[in-house]
Amino acid sequence: MKWLCAALLSLGLAGAQAAQSGVLTIRFLDVGQGDAVLITSPEGKTVLYDGGRSEVRMRELLTQYRVKSLELVAASHGDADHITGLIPAVNLFRPKLFLNNGISATTQTWAKLLGSVQAAGTAGLVASPRVITLGSVKLTVLPPPAGMPSTDQNLNSVGLLVQYGAFKALMTGDSETAETAGWLRAYPASFLGPVDVYKSIHHGAANGDNAAWLAAVRPRNVVVSVGPNNYGHPTAAALKLYQNAGATLYRTDLNGTVTVTVQPGGAFALRTEQGTGVRPPTAPAVPRPVPAAPPPAPGVFYPNCAAARAAGITPLLRGQPGYRSGLDGDGDGRACE
């Protein structure tokens, strides 16, 4: 097998450990209603893709997982539930690069993030079709397709495809159907999938993932980054899509931070802070039909002894096909003597 997936329940302080050397570690951080993904290469190089909606929570998580440096921070798009936690990350670690969609949001949070980026001397990197090397890990940037309206942050989400050996993980912010349709035109399905670990679009919103996109991505495990909310996330429609795709489902509101460790070559394991992933129900076994017994051969009937004699089988003995008491006048068991 090129890949191995095992969902393991973390114990004690296991969740507080720094990323293990020699393996790829991806943490889908429990940031409540928002997105944040921490990616650390086997060589110890780290990227933060989105940061959730709380500066305080992000500081806690960076301390908890003993992050020492960041090579790059990425904003999938400019919404506050994705970029707020990037502010303390930039202030603390002064990353070299800030990957973004190039469309300024008109919020105080965005302005504060840009101020931190400038103060840290971090260079802006507008998303374009490119590969970023993170040690031995390949990060392929999926920029917004051409034609997306510049007034819509969701439709200009920046995707990131993470590859290490045979392993693939994919995250695409809050992209919606128009954007995923553009990516389907730009990339062959064999490039996108199958994906071993996939972050659901837009916290499982109804306008995020769709059947055509998931048919190309072919996710084996789906992580929904979600917290208490008034939007109905994750929606029943999205959960049904993941079930139909045959994916095992993880949710940060139920499982806490979900940690993926990937060995050289691509074998991987998933670990949660609590609970386990939910596997899709298996279809009940259809019983194999039991062949019907063949009908018994039709009984032999002779209306009279003349017919029995014409058949050449007289006398008819009791128990012999065609024997009946009506033909055995003396009742001696020999009919038509």
Foldseek 3Di string as FASTA:
>chain_A
DLAAEAEAADDDLPQQEADAAQWWKWKFAQQAAATWIWIAHNHGEIEIEFAAQDLVVLVVNCNSNVRDAYQEYEYQFDDNRGHQNVLVNCQRHLHQEYEYQPQQDPDPSSVSSVVSNVVSVHYYDHFDQDWDDRPQKIKTKDFFAPPQDSVDRQSGGIKIWIDFAPAIEIETEQHFDVRLVRVCVVDPLVVQDCHAEYEFHSLQAPRGDDQVSCVSPLYQAYERRHHDDDRCGNPPVSVVSCLVSQHWYHYCHAFGMWMKIAHHSGYIYIYTNDDTTHTRDDDDDDDDDDDDDDDDDDADADPELVSVVVVVDAFQFVVRGHDDVVQVVVPPRTGSD
